[in-house]
Amino acid sequence: MPSRIRILILIVPIFLYGDSLKSLLEFSSKKSDLVVSKTYSKESKQVQVEVRKSTYYPTLDVGAFYQSLNERTPMRAGDTYSGYAKLSFDIYDGGAKSSLLSRSKNEYRASEFDLASTKKSLGLKIAENFFNIKSLEATLESRDEARKSLKEQLRRMKRFYSAKLATSDDVDRLQAAYDTNIYEMESIRLDILTIHKALELNVGKKISSLEKSSFKEYAQSKMQLIDSTRSLMASKEALIDGAQSIDSIYYPNIKIEDRYSAYGYSNTDTTHPEGLDDQNKILLSLNMRIFDMGVASKRKEALMINSQVVNTQIIYANKQQQMQYELAITRINISNIKIKSATSALKSANSAFKTIGKKYEVGIVDNVVYLDALSSQTKAKALYEKSLNDLEIAYATYYYYAGKNIEEFIK
């Protein structure tokens, strides 16, 4: 086999296969714009933690100045220049640094949970879009099969009409059914396109086609907190840490500084002598807020109220998750019942259409009965496929509200 043909055989399957749900979730968890944004936010919080850790270390400042007096002052040199280095260290700050570090760590934890929550909630949306598209595609396919049947019967009825064996009413009914079916197909195509674009936006890339995918059958497990609630809990702790850091202002703040300066002079004489060559100055300072009209306490109170706001959101989120978790289980059970009913309905509709179709072709039944049987079969096919896809969405919803990563449960 020529090498070019072998290369083509290897390349062509790449363009034949579409995207599976698992591959879409894997891509979105890294490349989706929402995920990338949350990742940057998490990295920013991580840097803030490192900044807070650095405040525990001494600081070193260096500087210099040059001074020239146009009218020289007695006993001072005309030109003075100096360089200095200052080492500073906070001996005690009332616990401000530890509280602010704890706050930054909790904000970072909140950003981690926020990122995980974004990935999982985005994954649920992608799964819903994926299987809704599959349902619409199945509906479109059943409509297309109906179109082919109507087109064939319309062609047949027009021949009968030309041979004076059918009336114009018979042709008009089939034509109306055919045109209505085309109208419905175009509407479905628009719905597919709309959801397809939403899917591409959530995933973060162009999608050509979708492979068949499904979830593992669920086994009920204990519900775990979803990441969005964990993010709220970490945010609440960060607010409490911020409130505690404000108290430090009412404690002694002790700081030590060591400043070494070296000096140089020019434009000097007897009445304008040089000064010190160098100087080392050590400064130990203490500062404590005695009275501020309650400004600091009000700031602390505001943060504590905000923490209560977040706490209320946590309580609501827990109740909402429990409710959605229980509804997801019910939805799975109902979806299984719907599948059984849809399977039975499809079997009956196929049998009825097959029988009525034969009778219609030999003139035993009229086109009204035929069109009714065709419509029932078309709807039954669509409902059957939709019931299967609705079960997959129910599985995805259950895994999400159980606090799981839905990607792990795809077959």
Protein backbone atom coordinates (compact mmCIF):
# COMPACT_ATOMS: atom_id res chain seq x y z
CA MET A 1 0.00 0.00 0.00
CA PRO A 2 1.47 3.40 -0.99
CA SER A 3 2.57 5.56 1.94
CA ARG A 4 0.22 8.43 0.99
CA ILE A 5 -2.81 6.13 1.14
CA ARG A 6 -1.72 4.82 4.56
CA ILE A 7 -1.41 8.39 5.84
CA LEU A 8 -4.89 9.25 4.55
CA ILE A 9 -6.35 6.19 6.26
CA LEU A 10 -4.84 7.35 9.54
CA ILE A 11 -5.98 10.97 9.13
CA VAL A 12 -9.54 10.50 7.84
CA PRO A 13 -10.97 9.03 11.11
CA ILE A 14 -9.97 12.23 12.90
CA PHE A 15 -12.48 14.10 10.79
CA LEU A 16 -15.15 11.39 10.96
CA TYR A 17 -15.47 11.20 14.74
CA GLY A 18 -17.18 13.92 16.72
CA ASP A 19 -16.75 15.00 20.32
CA SER A 20 -17.86 12.78 23.19
CA LEU A 21 -19.31 14.30 26.33
CA LYS A 22 -16.19 13.26 28.26
CA SER A 23 -13.86 15.01 25.81
CA LEU A 24 -15.99 18.17 25.96
CA LEU A 25 -15.87 18.20 29.76
CA GLU A 26 -12.12 17.63 29.77
CA PHE A 27 -11.59 20.50 27.33
CA SER A 28 -13.90 22.92 29.14
CA SER A 29 -12.22 22.21 32.50
CA LYS A 30 -9.03 23.73 31.09
CA LYS A 31 -9.92 26.03 28.19
CA SER A 32 -13.37 27.49 28.88
CA ASP A 33 -13.22 31.27 29.28
CA LEU A 34 -15.08 31.05 32.59
CA VAL A 35 -12.63 28.48 33.93
CA VAL A 36 -9.61 30.47 32.75
CA SER A 37 -11.01 33.57 34.47
CA LYS A 38 -11.51 31.70 37.76
CA THR A 39 -8.01 30.22 37.44
CA TYR A 40 -6.50 33.69 37.19
CA SER A 41 -8.54 34.77 40.21
CA LYS A 42 -7.21 31.79 42.20
CA GLU A 43 -3.62 32.58 41.21
CA SER A 44 -4.13 36.18 42.30
CA LYS A 45 -5.33 35.01 45.73
CA GLN A 46 -2.33 32.71 46.00
CA VAL A 47 0.00 35.65 45.42
CA GLN A 48 -1.83 37.57 48.15
CA VAL A 49 -1.05 34.75 50.58
CA GLU A 50 2.66 35.01 49.73
CA VAL A 51 2.48 38.79 50.21
CA ARG A 52 0.98 38.33 53.69
CA LYS A 53 3.71 35.83 54.61
CA SER A 54 6.37 38.32 53.54
CA THR A 55 5.13 40.90 56.05
CA TYR A 56 6.62 38.79 58.86
CA TYR A 57 10.14 39.53 57.60
CA PRO A 58 12.15 42.73 58.24
CA THR A 59 12.11 45.43 55.56
CA LEU A 60 15.19 47.15 54.17
CA ASP A 61 14.99 50.60 52.55
CA VAL A 62 17.78 52.56 50.91
CA GLY A 63 17.81 56.16 49.79
CA ALA A 64 19.88 59.25 49.09
CA PHE A 65 19.57 63.02 48.91
CA TYR A 66 21.52 66.03 47.71
CA GLN A 67 21.03 69.53 49.13
CA SER A 68 22.53 72.79 47.80
CA LEU A 69 22.04 76.14 49.59
CA ASN A 70 22.14 79.20 47.33
CA GLU A 71 22.53 81.47 50.34
CA ARG A 72 24.58 79.42 52.72
CA THR A 73 23.46 79.24 56.33
CA PRO A 74 26.13 79.92 58.97
CA MET A 75 27.73 76.81 60.41
CA ARG A 76 26.31 74.62 57.60
CA ALA A 77 28.02 73.39 54.46
CA GLY A 78 26.79 74.79 51.17
CA ASP A 79 26.31 71.36 49.58
CA THR A 80 25.32 68.21 51.46
CA TYR A 81 24.75 64.74 50.07
CA SER A 82 23.91 61.54 51.84
CA GLY A 83 23.01 57.87 51.37
CA TYR A 84 21.25 55.75 53.91
CA ALA A 85 19.92 52.24 54.64
CA LYS A 86 17.04 51.58 57.04
CA LEU A 87 16.16 48.20 58.53
CA SER A 88 12.69 47.93 60.10
CA PHE A 89 10.98 45.12 61.99
CA ASP A 90 7.57 44.88 63.68
CA ILE A 91 8.14 43.30 67.07
CA TYR A 92 4.43 43.13 67.91
CA ASP A 93 1.39 44.25 65.91
CA GLY A 94 -1.51 43.09 68.05
CA GLY A 95 -2.11 40.01 65.89
CA ALA A 96 -2.91 41.98 62.73
CA LYS A 97 -0.51 40.07 60.48
CA SER A 98 -1.67 36.63 61.60
CA SER A 99 -5.33 37.61 61.12
CA LEU A 100 -4.68 39.10 57.68
CA LEU A 101 -2.65 36.04 56.66
CA SER A 102 -5.50 33.80 57.78
CA ARG A 103 -7.92 35.98 55.81
CA SER A 104 -5.80 35.66 52.66
CA LYS A 105 -5.58 31.89 53.09
CA ASN A 106 -9.35 31.62 53.42
CA GLU A 107 -9.86 33.85 50.40
CA TYR A 108 -7.52 31.55 48.50
CA ARG A 109 -9.48 28.49 49.66
CA ALA A 110 -12.67 30.20 48.55
CA SER A 111 -11.16 30.83 45.11
CA GLU A 112 -10.14 27.15 44.86
CA PHE A 113 -13.69 26.03 45.65
CA ASP A 114 -15.03 28.69 43.30
CA LEU A 115 -12.90 27.32 40.47
CA ALA A 116 -14.00 23.75 41.19
CA SER A 117 -17.63 24.89 41.40
CA THR A 118 -17.35 26.67 38.06
CA LYS A 119 -15.95 23.55 36.41
CA LYS A 120 -18.69 21.30 37.81
CA SER A 121 -21.63 23.65 37.20
CA LEU A 122 -20.31 24.30 33.70
CA GLY A 123 -20.05 20.53 33.23
CA LEU A 124 -23.72 20.13 34.18
CA LYS A 125 -24.75 22.80 31.66
CA ILE A 126 -22.66 21.11 28.98
CA ALA A 127 -24.26 17.73 29.76
CA GLU A 128 -27.75 19.27 29.58
CA ASN A 129 -26.95 20.95 26.25
CA PHE A 130 -25.36 17.75 24.93
CA PHE A 131 -28.37 15.51 25.59
CA ASN A 132 -30.92 18.18 24.63
CA ILE A 133 -29.21 18.38 21.25
CA LYS A 134 -29.33 14.59 21.01
CA SER A 135 -33.08 14.67 21.70
CA LEU A 136 -33.66 17.35 19.07
CA GLU A 137 -31.53 15.49 16.55
CA ALA A 138 -33.63 12.36 17.14
CA THR A 139 -36.80 14.40 16.71
CA LEU A 140 -35.43 15.88 13.49
CA GLU A 141 -34.54 12.41 12.25
CA SER A 142 -38.06 11.10 12.93
CA ARG A 143 -39.48 14.16 11.19
CA ASP A 144 -37.24 13.50 8.22
CA GLU A 145 -38.48 9.92 8.00
CA ALA A 146 -42.03 11.27 8.07
CA ARG A 147 -41.08 13.71 5.30
CA LYS A 148 -39.88 10.87 3.10
CA SER A 149 -43.11 8.92 3.67
CA LEU A 150 -45.26 11.99 3.01
CA LYS A 151 -43.28 12.85 -0.11
CA GLU A 152 -43.75 9.34 -1.49
CA GLN A 153 -47.49 9.30 -0.71
CA LEU A 154 -47.91 12.80 -2.13
CA ARG A 155 -46.24 11.74 -5.36
CA ARG A 156 -48.50 8.66 -5.46
CA MET A 157 -51.65 10.69 -4.75
CA LYS A 158 -50.81 13.21 -7.47
CA ARG A 159 -50.60 10.34 -9.97
CA PHE A 160 -54.00 9.12 -8.80
CA TYR A 161 -55.39 12.63 -9.11
CA SER A 162 -54.05 12.92 -12.67
CA ALA A 163 -55.76 9.61 -13.45
CA LYS A 164 -59.04 10.90 -11.91
CA LEU A 165 -58.76 8.28 -9.13
CA ALA A 166 -58.42 10.81 -6.28
CA THR A 167 -59.83 14.22 -5.41
CA SER A 168 -57.98 17.48 -4.91
CA ASP A 169 -58.84 17.27 -1.20
CA ASP A 170 -56.76 14.10 -0.92
CA VAL A 171 -53.78 15.87 -2.50
CA ASP A 172 -54.25 19.04 -0.44
CA ARG A 173 -54.31 17.15 2.87
CA LEU A 174 -51.05 15.40 2.08
CA GLN A 175 -49.49 18.62 0.79
CA ALA A 176 -50.50 20.48 3.96
CA ALA A 177 -49.06 17.70 6.14
CA TYR A 178 -45.85 17.69 4.10
CA ASP A 179 -45.40 21.49 4.31
CA THR A 180 -46.21 21.54 8.02
CA ASN A 181 -43.61 18.85 8.61
CA ILE A 182 -41.01 20.89 6.71
CA TYR A 183 -41.90 23.92 8.86
CA GLU A 184 -41.44 21.88 12.06
CA MET A 185 -38.11 20.53 10.80
CA GLU A 186 -36.76 24.04 10.21
CA SER A 187 -37.88 25.10 13.69
CA ILE A 188 -36.08 22.10 15.18
CA ARG A 189 -32.94 22.94 13.18
CA LEU A 190 -33.00 26.44 14.67
CA ASP A 191 -33.39 25.01 18.18
CA ILE A 192 -30.44 22.68 17.56
CA LEU A 193 -28.32 25.56 16.28
CA THR A 194 -29.21 27.74 19.28
CA ILE A 195 -28.26 25.06 21.84
CA HIS A 196 -25.21 24.08 19.77
CA LYS A 197 -23.90 27.66 19.95
CA ALA A 198 -24.51 27.73 23.70
CA LEU A 199 -22.61 24.46 23.99
CA GLU A 200 -19.65 25.86 22.03
CA LEU A 201 -19.65 28.97 24.24
CA ASN A 202 -19.58 26.88 27.43
CA VAL A 203 -16.94 24.46 26.14
CA GLY A 204 -14.74 27.13 24.57
CA LYS A 205 -14.28 25.69 21.08
CA LYS A 206 -16.03 24.88 17.79
CA ILE A 207 -17.89 21.58 17.75
CA SER A 208 -18.66 19.72 14.53
CA SER A 209 -20.66 16.72 15.76
CA LEU A 210 -21.44 14.82 18.94
CA GLU A 211 -20.68 11.18 19.65
CA LYS A 212 -23.05 9.01 21.59
CA SER A 213 -22.35 9.20 25.34
CA SER A 214 -24.02 7.98 28.50
CA PHE A 215 -23.61 7.91 32.28
CA LYS A 216 -23.20 4.92 34.55
CA GLU A 217 -26.39 3.82 36.25
CA TYR A 218 -26.48 5.58 39.59
CA ALA A 219 -26.08 3.97 42.98
CA GLN A 220 -27.41 6.25 45.69
CA SER A 221 -24.66 7.60 47.93
CA LYS A 222 -24.36 10.08 50.76
CA MET A 223 -24.64 13.71 49.65
CA GLN A 224 -21.51 15.83 49.95
CA LEU A 225 -21.37 19.61 50.08
CA ILE A 226 -21.04 21.14 46.64
CA ASP A 227 -18.06 23.42 46.03
CA SER A 228 -20.10 26.62 45.74
CA THR A 229 -21.21 26.15 49.37
CA ARG A 230 -17.65 25.39 50.45
CA SER A 231 -16.58 28.63 48.77
CA LEU A 232 -19.17 30.55 50.78
CA MET A 233 -17.94 28.95 54.01
CA ALA A 234 -14.35 29.97 53.28
CA SER A 235 -15.49 33.50 52.40
CA LYS A 236 -17.32 33.71 55.73
CA GLU A 237 -14.13 32.73 57.59
CA ALA A 238 -12.18 35.35 55.63
CA LEU A 239 -14.63 38.06 56.76
CA ILE A 240 -14.27 36.98 60.40
CA ASP A 241 -10.47 37.10 60.05
CA GLY A 242 -10.75 40.61 58.63
CA ALA A 243 -12.87 41.67 61.58
CA GLN A 244 -10.33 40.25 64.04
CA SER A 245 -7.47 42.09 62.35
CA ILE A 246 -9.18 45.40 63.14
CA ASP A 247 -8.91 44.70 66.90
CA SER A 248 -5.12 44.91 66.61
CA ILE A 249 -5.33 48.69 66.44
CA TYR A 250 -6.32 48.77 70.12
CA TYR A 251 -3.24 46.74 71.14
CA PRO A 252 0.32 48.07 71.44
CA ASN A 253 2.16 48.10 68.11
CA ILE A 254 5.89 47.90 68.76
CA LYS A 255 8.38 48.57 65.98
CA ILE A 256 12.18 48.85 65.84
CA GLU A 257 14.20 50.66 63.16
CA ASP A 258 17.94 50.88 62.58
CA ARG A 259 19.02 53.63 60.17
CA TYR A 260 22.60 54.10 59.02
CA SER A 261 23.48 57.27 57.07
CA ALA A 262 26.72 58.40 55.42
CA TYR A 263 27.27 62.09 54.52
CA GLY A 264 29.43 64.07 52.15
CA TYR A 265 29.98 67.84 51.78
CA SER A 266 31.31 70.49 49.43
CA ASN A 267 31.31 74.28 49.16
CA THR A 268 32.64 74.59 52.73
CA ASP A 269 34.91 76.97 54.63
CA THR A 270 35.60 78.01 58.22
CA THR A 271 32.17 79.54 58.75
CA HIS A 272 30.47 76.72 56.82
CA PRO A 273 32.10 73.53 58.15
CA GLU A 274 31.37 69.91 57.32
CA GLY A 275 29.01 67.92 59.56
CA LEU A 276 28.91 64.27 60.57
CA ASP A 277 30.60 61.70 58.38
CA ASP A 278 28.13 58.97 59.28
CA GLN A 279 25.41 58.22 61.80
CA ASN A 280 23.61 55.10 63.06
CA LYS A 281 20.20 55.72 64.62
CA ILE A 282 18.12 53.07 66.41
CA LEU A 283 14.45 53.87 67.03
CA LEU A 284 12.09 51.82 69.16
CA SER A 285 8.49 53.02 68.86
CA LEU A 286 5.18 52.06 70.44
CA ASN A 287 1.78 53.04 69.10
CA MET A 288 -1.69 52.25 70.42
CA ARG A 289 -5.12 53.65 69.53
CA ILE A 290 -6.86 55.07 72.61
CA PHE A 291 -9.90 56.79 71.11
CA ASP A 292 -11.32 57.07 67.60
CA MET A 293 -15.06 57.73 68.11
CA GLY A 294 -15.74 54.03 67.53
CA VAL A 295 -14.54 54.03 63.89
CA ALA A 296 -12.59 50.78 64.18
CA SER A 297 -15.34 49.01 66.13
CA LYS A 298 -17.90 50.04 63.49
CA ARG A 299 -15.67 48.68 60.74
CA LYS A 300 -15.45 45.39 62.64
CA GLU A 301 -19.22 45.35 63.16
CA ALA A 302 -19.78 45.86 59.43
CA LEU A 303 -17.56 42.88 58.58
CA MET A 304 -19.30 40.69 61.16
CA ILE A 305 -22.70 41.62 59.71
CA ASN A 306 -21.39 40.68 56.26
CA SER A 307 -20.27 37.33 57.67
CA GLN A 308 -23.83 36.76 58.90
CA VAL A 309 -25.12 37.60 55.42
CA VAL A 310 -22.85 34.93 53.96
CA ASN A 311 -23.86 32.50 56.73
CA THR A 312 -27.51 32.93 55.73
CA GLN A 313 -26.53 32.21 52.11
CA ILE A 314 -24.80 29.03 53.30
CA ILE A 315 -27.94 27.87 55.10
CA TYR A 316 -30.02 28.54 51.97
CA ALA A 317 -27.49 26.79 49.72
CA ASN A 318 -27.57 23.69 51.95
CA LYS A 319 -31.36 23.55 51.81
CA GLN A 320 -31.34 24.10 48.07
CA GLN A 321 -28.80 21.32 47.49
CA GLN A 322 -30.80 18.89 49.64
CA MET A 323 -33.95 19.74 47.71
CA GLN A 324 -32.26 19.35 44.31
CA TYR A 325 -30.61 16.11 45.44
CA GLU A 326 -33.97 14.59 46.39
CA LEU A 327 -35.62 15.89 43.21
CA ALA A 328 -32.81 14.39 41.11
CA ILE A 329 -33.51 10.93 42.57
CA THR A 330 -37.21 11.35 41.86
CA ARG A 331 -36.40 12.55 38.36
CA ILE A 332 -34.35 9.40 37.70
CA ASN A 333 -37.20 7.17 38.85
CA ILE A 334 -39.75 9.05 36.76
CA SER A 335 -37.44 8.99 33.72
CA ASN A 336 -37.21 5.18 33.96
CA ILE A 337 -41.01 4.96 34.05
CA LYS A 338 -41.22 7.28 31.04
CA ILE A 339 -38.76 5.08 29.12
CA LYS A 340 -40.95 2.02 29.70
CA SER A 341 -44.05 3.90 28.56
CA ALA A 342 -42.27 5.43 25.56
CA THR A 343 -40.93 2.00 24.54
CA SER A 344 -44.41 0.51 24.63
CA ALA A 345 -45.90 3.50 22.80
CA LEU A 346 -43.26 3.32 20.05
CA LYS A 347 -43.83 -0.39 19.57
CA SER A 348 -47.58 0.15 19.23
CA ALA A 349 -47.16 3.19 16.95
CA ASN A 350 -44.78 1.30 14.62
CA SER A 351 -47.14 -1.65 14.43
CA ALA A 352 -50.16 0.57 13.81
CA PHE A 353 -48.43 2.60 11.11
CA LYS A 354 -47.20 -0.52 9.35
CA THR A 355 -50.74 -1.96 9.26
CA ILE A 356 -52.49 1.28 8.35
CA GLY A 357 -49.85 2.08 5.72
CA LYS A 358 -50.61 -1.17 3.90
CA LYS A 359 -54.36 -0.54 4.15
CA TYR A 360 -53.91 3.00 2.88
CA GLU A 361 -51.97 1.88 -0.17
CA VAL A 362 -54.81 -0.46 -1.18
CA GLY A 363 -57.48 2.14 -0.40
CA ILE A 364 -59.06 0.49 2.66
CA VAL A 365 -58.49 3.59 4.86
CA ASP A 366 -58.37 7.25 3.88
CA ASN A 367 -55.48 9.68 4.21
CA VAL A 368 -56.87 11.13 7.45
CA VAL A 369 -56.30 7.80 9.20
CA TYR A 370 -52.92 7.44 7.50
CA LEU A 371 -51.75 10.90 8.56
CA ASP A 372 -52.88 10.30 12.12
CA ALA A 373 -50.91 7.03 12.25
CA LEU A 374 -47.84 8.71 10.76
CA SER A 375 -48.06 11.57 13.26
CA SER A 376 -48.37 9.11 16.16
CA GLN A 377 -45.34 7.17 14.98
CA THR A 378 -43.26 10.35 14.53
CA LYS A 379 -44.14 11.59 18.01
CA ALA A 380 -43.52 8.17 19.57
CA LYS A 381 -40.03 7.97 18.06
CA ALA A 382 -39.16 11.45 19.29
CA LEU A 383 -40.55 10.81 22.79
CA TYR A 384 -38.67 7.54 23.08
CA GLU A 385 -35.31 9.14 22.25
CA LYS A 386 -36.10 12.12 24.46
CA SER A 387 -36.92 9.84 27.40
CA LEU A 388 -33.51 8.17 27.05
CA ASN A 389 -31.70 11.52 26.95
CA ASP A 390 -33.78 12.91 29.82
CA LEU A 391 -32.55 9.99 31.94
CA GLU A 392 -28.94 10.94 31.14
CA ILE A 393 -29.65 14.54 32.18
CA ALA A 394 -31.24 13.21 35.39
CA TYR A 395 -28.08 11.19 36.10
CA ALA A 396 -25.88 14.26 35.51
CA THR A 397 -28.08 16.36 37.80
CA TYR A 398 -27.98 13.71 40.52
CA TYR A 399 -24.18 13.38 40.44
CA TYR A 400 -23.79 17.16 40.52
CA TYR A 401 -26.05 17.70 43.55
CA ALA A 402 -24.54 14.67 45.29
CA GLY A 403 -21.31 16.69 45.27
CA LYS A 404 -19.58 14.47 42.70
CA ASN A 405 -17.57 15.21 39.59
CA ILE A 406 -19.95 14.13 36.80
CA GLU A 407 -17.04 13.50 34.43
CA GLU A 408 -16.00 10.50 36.54
CA PHE A 409 -19.34 8.75 35.96
CA ILE A 410 -19.36 8.81 32.14
CA LYS A 411 -19.07 5.34 30.60
